[in-house]
N, C-alpha and C. Protein backbone atom coordinates (compact mmCIF):
# COMPACT_ATOMS: atom_id res chain seq x y z
N UNK A 1 -3.57 12.37 -11.40
CA UNK A 1 -1.98 12.21 -11.20
C UNK A 1 -1.61 11.05 -12.47
N UNK A 2 -0.63 11.15 -13.38
CA UNK A 2 -0.97 9.69 -13.89
C UNK A 2 -0.13 8.45 -12.68
N UNK A 3 -0.42 7.28 -13.31
CA UNK A 3 0.18 6.38 -12.49
C UNK A 3 1.94 6.43 -12.14
N UNK A 4 2.26 6.69 -13.40
CA UNK A 4 4.25 6.52 -13.43
C UNK A 4 4.61 8.02 -12.14
N UNK A 5 3.79 9.30 -12.37
CA UNK A 5 4.50 10.02 -11.35
C UNK A 5 3.87 9.95 -10.15
N UNK A 6 3.02 9.40 -10.06
CA UNK A 6 2.37 9.24 -8.22
C UNK A 6 3.90 7.92 -8.09
N UNK A 7 4.07 6.96 -8.29
CA UNK A 7 4.89 5.97 -8.74
C UNK A 7 6.23 6.30 -8.21
N UNK A 8 6.62 7.42 -9.07
CA UNK A 8 8.28 8.31 -8.54
C UNK A 8 7.92 9.08 -7.51
N UNK A 9 6.86 9.41 -7.01
CA UNK A 9 7.36 10.50 -6.29
C UNK A 9 6.66 9.40 -4.54
N UNK A 10 6.35 8.35 -4.62
CA UNK A 10 5.86 7.44 -3.80
C UNK A 10 7.17 6.76 -3.59
N UNK A 11 8.33 6.17 -4.32
CA UNK A 11 9.10 5.68 -4.65
C UNK A 11 10.67 6.38 -3.47
N UNK A 12 10.53 8.01 -4.16
CA UNK A 12 11.23 8.97 -3.73
C UNK A 12 11.06 9.47 -2.36
N UNK A 13 9.65 9.52 -1.98
CA UNK A 13 9.04 10.27 -0.84
C UNK A 13 9.06 9.07 0.61
N UNK A 14 9.11 7.55 -0.51
CA UNK A 14 8.65 6.93 1.02
C UNK A 14 9.83 6.15 1.67
N UNK A 15 10.33 6.32 3.30
CA UNK A 15 11.07 5.85 4.38
C UNK A 15 11.34 4.15 3.76
N UNK A 16 12.65 3.62 3.89
CA UNK A 16 12.99 2.49 3.39
C UNK A 16 11.89 1.26 3.67
N UNK A 17 11.57 1.66 5.26
CA UNK A 17 10.73 0.43 5.73
C UNK A 17 9.54 0.95 5.78
N UNK A 18 8.85 2.33 5.33
CA UNK A 18 7.89 2.81 4.99
C UNK A 18 6.43 1.98 4.32
N UNK A 19 5.52 2.56 4.37
CA UNK A 19 4.09 2.37 3.83
C UNK A 19 3.37 2.85 2.76
N UNK A 20 3.22 2.89 1.38
CA UNK A 20 1.71 3.74 1.37
C UNK A 20 0.62 3.43 1.02
N UNK A 21 -0.62 3.95 1.32
CA UNK A 21 -1.19 3.15 0.80
C UNK A 21 -2.17 4.09 -0.38
N UNK A 22 -2.69 3.18 -1.43
CA UNK A 22 -3.65 3.71 -2.45
C UNK A 22 -4.81 2.88 -2.65
N UNK A 23 -5.75 3.63 -3.00
CA UNK A 23 -7.17 2.98 -3.01
C UNK A 23 -7.69 3.12 -4.59
N UNK A 24 -7.70 2.12 -5.50
CA UNK A 24 -8.04 2.08 -7.07
C UNK A 24 -9.07 1.36 -6.74
N UNK A 25 -9.61 2.04 -8.44
CA UNK A 25 -10.87 1.07 -8.91
C UNK A 25 -10.43 -0.31 -9.31
N UNK A 26 -10.74 -1.39 -9.38
CA UNK A 26 -10.58 -2.57 -9.65
C UNK A 26 -10.43 -2.61 -11.34
N UNK A 27 -10.47 -1.74 -12.13
CA UNK A 27 -10.52 -1.50 -13.38
C UNK A 27 -8.78 -1.26 -13.72
N UNK A 28 -8.51 -0.13 -12.49
CA UNK A 28 -6.96 0.05 -12.73
C UNK A 28 -5.79 -0.68 -12.32
N UNK A 29 -6.30 -1.34 -11.54
CA UNK A 29 -5.31 -2.28 -10.63
C UNK A 29 -4.12 -3.14 -11.45
N UNK A 30 -4.60 -3.32 -12.84
CA UNK A 30 -3.39 -4.12 -13.16
C UNK A 30 -2.19 -3.06 -14.11
N UNK A 31 -2.74 -2.19 -14.56
CA UNK A 31 -2.26 -1.12 -14.81
C UNK A 31 -1.52 -0.23 -13.77
N UNK A 32 -1.96 -0.60 -12.86
CA UNK A 32 -0.92 0.33 -11.81
C UNK A 32 -0.08 -0.53 -11.46
N UNK A 33 -0.17 -1.51 -11.37
CA UNK A 33 0.72 -2.96 -10.45
C UNK A 33 1.95 -3.51 -11.39
N UNK A 34 1.73 -3.39 -12.48
CA UNK A 34 2.96 -2.82 -13.54
C UNK A 34 3.67 -2.89 -13.90
N UNK A 35 3.29 -1.21 -13.24
CA UNK A 35 4.53 -0.26 -13.12
C UNK A 35 5.55 0.13 -11.66
N UNK A 36 4.86 -0.89 -11.01
CA UNK A 36 5.33 -0.82 -9.72
C UNK A 36 7.13 -1.10 -9.58
N UNK A 37 7.38 -2.00 -10.20
CA UNK A 37 8.51 -2.75 -9.89
C UNK A 37 10.00 -1.71 -10.71
N UNK A 38 9.51 -1.06 -11.78
CA UNK A 38 10.45 -0.21 -11.95
C UNK A 38 10.66 1.09 -11.49
N UNK A 39 9.80 1.58 -10.43
CA UNK A 39 10.25 2.25 -8.86
C UNK A 39 10.64 1.36 -7.95
N UNK A 40 11.01 0.40 -8.20
CA UNK A 40 11.48 -0.87 -7.11
C UNK A 40 10.86 -0.55 -5.65
N UNK A 41 9.28 -0.44 -6.32
CA UNK A 41 8.35 -1.03 -5.19
C UNK A 41 6.93 -2.16 -5.75
N UNK A 42 6.41 -1.98 -4.39
CA UNK A 42 6.05 -4.05 -4.93
C UNK A 42 4.55 -3.92 -3.55
N UNK A 43 3.23 -4.17 -4.14
CA UNK A 43 2.28 -4.19 -3.42
C UNK A 43 2.09 -5.59 -2.09
N UNK A 44 2.42 -5.62 -0.96
CA UNK A 44 2.69 -5.63 0.15
C UNK A 44 1.40 -6.58 0.67
N UNK A 45 0.47 -5.93 0.53
CA UNK A 45 -1.01 -6.29 1.18
C UNK A 45 -1.46 -5.55 -0.17
N UNK A 46 -2.83 -6.43 -0.47
CA UNK A 46 -3.72 -5.98 -0.68
C UNK A 46 -5.53 -6.47 -0.26
N UNK A 47 -6.22 -5.29 -0.54
CA UNK A 47 -7.73 -5.41 0.61
C UNK A 47 -8.30 -5.09 -0.64
N UNK A 48 -9.38 -6.01 -1.42
CA UNK A 48 -10.33 -6.28 -2.26
C UNK A 48 -11.35 -5.27 -1.57
N UNK A 49 -12.53 -4.67 -1.41
CA UNK A 49 -13.74 -4.14 -1.21
C UNK A 49 -14.73 -4.91 -2.03
N UNK A 50 -15.73 -4.93 -1.37
CA UNK A 50 -17.04 -5.72 -1.69
C UNK A 50 -17.61 -4.99 -1.27
N UNK A 51 -18.33 -4.19 -2.02
CA UNK A 51 -19.91 -3.26 -1.41
C UNK A 51 -21.00 -3.64 -0.93
N UNK A 52 -21.42 -5.11 -1.66
CA UNK A 52 -22.66 -5.64 -0.84
C UNK A 52 -22.33 -7.20 -1.52
N UNK A 53 -22.56 -8.21 -0.28
CA UNK A 53 -22.53 -9.25 -0.84
C UNK A 53 -22.83 -10.20 -1.60
N UNK A 54 -21.95 -11.05 -2.23
CA UNK A 54 -22.55 -11.44 -3.11
C UNK A 54 -21.93 -11.29 -4.67
N UNK A 55 -21.63 -10.09 -4.74
CA UNK A 55 -21.14 -9.04 -6.01
C UNK A 55 -19.20 -9.27 -6.04
N UNK A 56 -19.32 -8.82 -7.11
CA UNK A 56 -17.41 -8.90 -7.36
C UNK A 56 -16.99 -7.35 -6.39
N UNK A 57 -15.87 -7.66 -6.34
CA UNK A 57 -15.12 -6.43 -5.72
C UNK A 57 -14.60 -5.27 -6.72
N UNK A 58 -15.21 -4.04 -6.00
CA UNK A 58 -14.94 -2.87 -7.45
C UNK A 58 -13.92 -2.27 -6.71
N UNK A 59 -13.16 -1.83 -5.94
CA UNK A 59 -12.00 -1.37 -5.47
C UNK A 59 -10.80 -2.06 -4.84
N UNK A 60 -9.79 -1.72 -4.85
CA UNK A 60 -8.81 -2.49 -3.66
C UNK A 60 -7.79 -1.36 -3.15
N UNK A 61 -7.47 -1.57 -1.98
CA UNK A 61 -6.86 -0.68 -1.28
C UNK A 61 -5.51 -1.82 -1.17
N UNK A 62 -3.95 -0.75 -1.81
CA UNK A 62 -3.15 -1.32 -1.68
C UNK A 62 -1.96 -0.69 -0.65
N UNK A 63 -1.08 -0.88 0.02
CA UNK A 63 -0.15 -1.52 0.73
C UNK A 63 1.41 -1.38 0.23
N UNK A 64 1.54 -0.33 -0.22
CA UNK A 64 2.75 -0.42 -0.96
C UNK A 64 4.52 -0.14 -0.29
N UNK A 65 5.32 -1.05 -0.72
CA UNK A 65 6.76 -0.67 0.22
C UNK A 65 7.50 -0.95 -1.18
N UNK A 66 8.80 -0.47 -0.51
CA UNK A 66 9.67 -0.83 -1.41
C UNK A 66 10.02 -1.87 -0.84
N UNK A 67 10.99 -3.09 -1.81
CA UNK A 67 11.86 -3.91 -2.16
C UNK A 67 12.51 -4.25 -0.78
N UNK A 68 12.70 -5.28 -0.38
CA UNK A 68 13.77 -5.49 0.55
C UNK A 68 15.09 -5.14 0.15
N UNK A 69 16.10 -4.28 1.44
CA UNK A 69 17.20 -4.86 0.50
C UNK A 69 18.16 -6.02 0.82
N UNK A 70 19.04 -6.21 0.18
CA UNK A 70 19.71 -7.81 0.10
C UNK A 70 21.33 -7.53 0.00
N UNK A 71 21.78 -8.27 0.51
CA UNK A 71 23.17 -8.33 0.80
C UNK A 71 24.38 -8.86 -0.56
N UNK A 72 23.13 -9.51 -1.37
CA UNK A 72 23.60 -9.52 -2.60
C UNK A 72 24.29 -8.97 -3.64
N UNK A 73 24.67 -8.97 -4.33
CA UNK A 73 24.97 -8.21 -5.65
C UNK A 73 23.88 -7.99 -6.10
N UNK A 74 23.81 -6.58 -6.41
CA UNK A 74 23.05 -5.72 -7.29
C UNK A 74 22.46 -7.34 -8.56
N UNK A 75 21.43 -6.71 -9.12
CA UNK A 75 20.77 -7.68 -10.30
C UNK A 75 20.17 -6.57 -10.58
N UNK A 76 19.35 -7.33 -11.98
CA UNK A 76 18.34 -6.24 -12.83
C UNK A 76 16.96 -7.23 -12.03
N UNK A 77 16.77 -7.67 -11.38
CA UNK A 77 15.53 -8.48 -10.41
C UNK A 77 15.78 -8.05 -8.94
N UNK A 78 14.40 -7.62 -8.90
CA UNK A 78 14.56 -7.44 -7.47
C UNK A 78 13.64 -8.80 -6.53
N UNK A 79 14.30 -9.30 -4.97
CA UNK A 79 14.04 -10.28 -4.28
C UNK A 79 12.46 -10.71 -4.35
N UNK A 80 12.38 -12.28 -4.15
CA UNK A 80 11.27 -12.36 -4.31
C UNK A 80 10.55 -11.52 -3.13
N UNK A 81 8.91 -11.25 -3.18
CA UNK A 81 8.66 -11.20 -2.43
C UNK A 81 6.64 -11.48 -2.52
N UNK A 82 6.55 -11.52 -1.04
CA UNK A 82 5.01 -12.56 -1.50
C UNK A 82 3.54 -11.13 -1.20
N UNK A 83 2.67 -10.60 -1.73
CA UNK A 83 1.58 -10.17 -1.47
C UNK A 83 0.72 -10.70 -0.60
N UNK A 84 -0.13 -10.05 0.25
CA UNK A 84 -1.16 -10.77 1.10
C UNK A 84 -2.02 -10.24 0.85
N UNK A 85 -3.21 -10.85 0.45
CA UNK A 85 -4.29 -10.92 0.04
C UNK A 85 -5.55 -10.97 0.99
N UNK A 86 -6.66 -9.96 0.48
CA UNK A 86 -7.43 -10.07 1.89
C UNK A 86 -8.52 -9.36 1.25
N UNK A 87 -9.98 -9.79 1.45
CA UNK A 87 -11.39 -9.41 1.10
C UNK A 87 -11.98 -8.49 2.07
N UNK A 88 -13.00 -7.88 2.42
CA UNK A 88 -13.87 -7.01 2.90
C UNK A 88 -15.06 -6.40 2.33
N UNK A 89 -16.09 -7.20 2.97
CA UNK A 89 -18.01 -6.92 2.42
C UNK A 89 -18.10 -5.23 3.52
N UNK A 90 -18.90 -4.58 2.34
CA UNK A 90 -19.24 -3.44 3.96
C UNK A 90 -20.63 -4.13 4.00
N UNK A 91 -21.60 -4.40 2.84
CA UNK A 91 -22.99 -4.56 3.36
C UNK A 91 -23.08 -6.18 3.17
N UNK A 92 -23.53 -7.15 3.78
CA UNK A 92 -24.83 -7.88 3.53
C UNK A 92 -25.89 -7.92 2.60
N UNK A 93 -25.96 -9.09 2.02
CA UNK A 93 -27.60 -8.89 1.15
C UNK A 93 -28.70 -8.13 1.67
N UNK A 94 -29.11 -7.96 3.10
CA UNK A 94 -29.92 -7.26 3.40
C UNK A 94 -29.57 -5.86 3.34
N UNK A 95 -28.29 -5.33 3.40
CA UNK A 95 -28.49 -4.10 3.38
C UNK A 95 -27.57 -2.86 4.93
N UNK A 96 -26.98 -4.39 5.26
CA UNK A 96 -26.61 -4.21 6.75
C UNK A 96 -25.20 -3.95 7.08
N UNK A 97 -24.61 -3.43 7.71
CA UNK A 97 -22.72 -3.21 7.37
C UNK A 97 -22.40 -4.81 7.85
N UNK A 98 -21.42 -5.33 7.58
CA UNK A 98 -20.95 -6.47 7.97
C UNK A 98 -19.91 -5.68 8.91
N UNK A 99 -20.28 -7.23 9.96
CA UNK A 99 -19.41 -7.13 11.19
C UNK A 99 -17.70 -6.29 11.07
N UNK A 100 -17.20 -6.82 9.59
CA UNK A 100 -15.60 -6.57 9.78
C UNK A 100 -15.47 -5.03 9.25
N UNK A 101 -17.35 -4.43 8.60
CA UNK A 101 -17.04 -3.04 8.42
C UNK A 101 -17.26 -2.18 9.86
N UNK A 102 -18.45 -2.74 10.43
CA UNK A 102 -18.82 -2.05 11.44
C UNK A 102 -17.33 -2.16 12.38
N UNK A 103 -16.29 -3.29 12.75
CA UNK A 103 -15.30 -2.79 13.77
C UNK A 103 -14.45 -1.85 13.44
N UNK A 104 -14.68 -1.87 11.96
CA UNK A 104 -13.24 -1.08 11.34
C UNK A 104 -13.33 0.79 11.75
N UNK A 105 -15.01 0.95 11.17
CA UNK A 105 -15.66 2.58 11.57
C UNK A 105 -15.86 2.86 12.88
N UNK A 106 -16.26 1.94 13.73
CA UNK A 106 -16.33 2.05 14.83
C UNK A 106 -16.54 3.28 15.24
N UNK A 107 -14.85 3.85 15.52
CA UNK A 107 -14.62 4.51 15.90
C UNK A 107 -14.78 5.97 15.75
N UNK A 108 -15.52 6.37 14.18
CA UNK A 108 -15.66 7.24 12.97
C UNK A 108 -17.23 7.87 13.65
N UNK A 109 -17.72 6.32 13.41
CA UNK A 109 -19.47 7.23 13.23
C UNK A 109 -20.11 6.49 14.87
N UNK A 110 -21.03 7.53 15.13
CA UNK A 110 -21.40 7.08 16.64
C UNK A 110 -22.61 5.80 16.48
N UNK A 111 -23.32 6.12 15.31
CA UNK A 111 -24.56 4.97 15.44
C UNK A 111 -24.42 3.50 14.69
N UNK A 112 -23.14 3.00 14.85
CA UNK A 112 -22.75 1.61 14.37
C UNK A 112 -23.27 0.97 15.47
């Protein structure tokens, strides 16, 4: 699905205070985020995922929300918002799961 189509659907279906989550390869991140403003959306949180400690992130999880409503007269710009940035490493250099990954996945895996 093209990003513009996905963002349009998110904008239409997302509740005013809701959050939509999207997982993207890092190389698609700029293309995806530059269009969000067109649909009244912004990235509230970005979690960059690093597969192995010491490597660069290869994907991101985005929490997308509508811009907050204001009582100001309508303008062509949206109110200033700030994205919260986080990182998570899946495995350490010895290829063991990181503590963060274990805590996140423990409810789903019996052998963690």
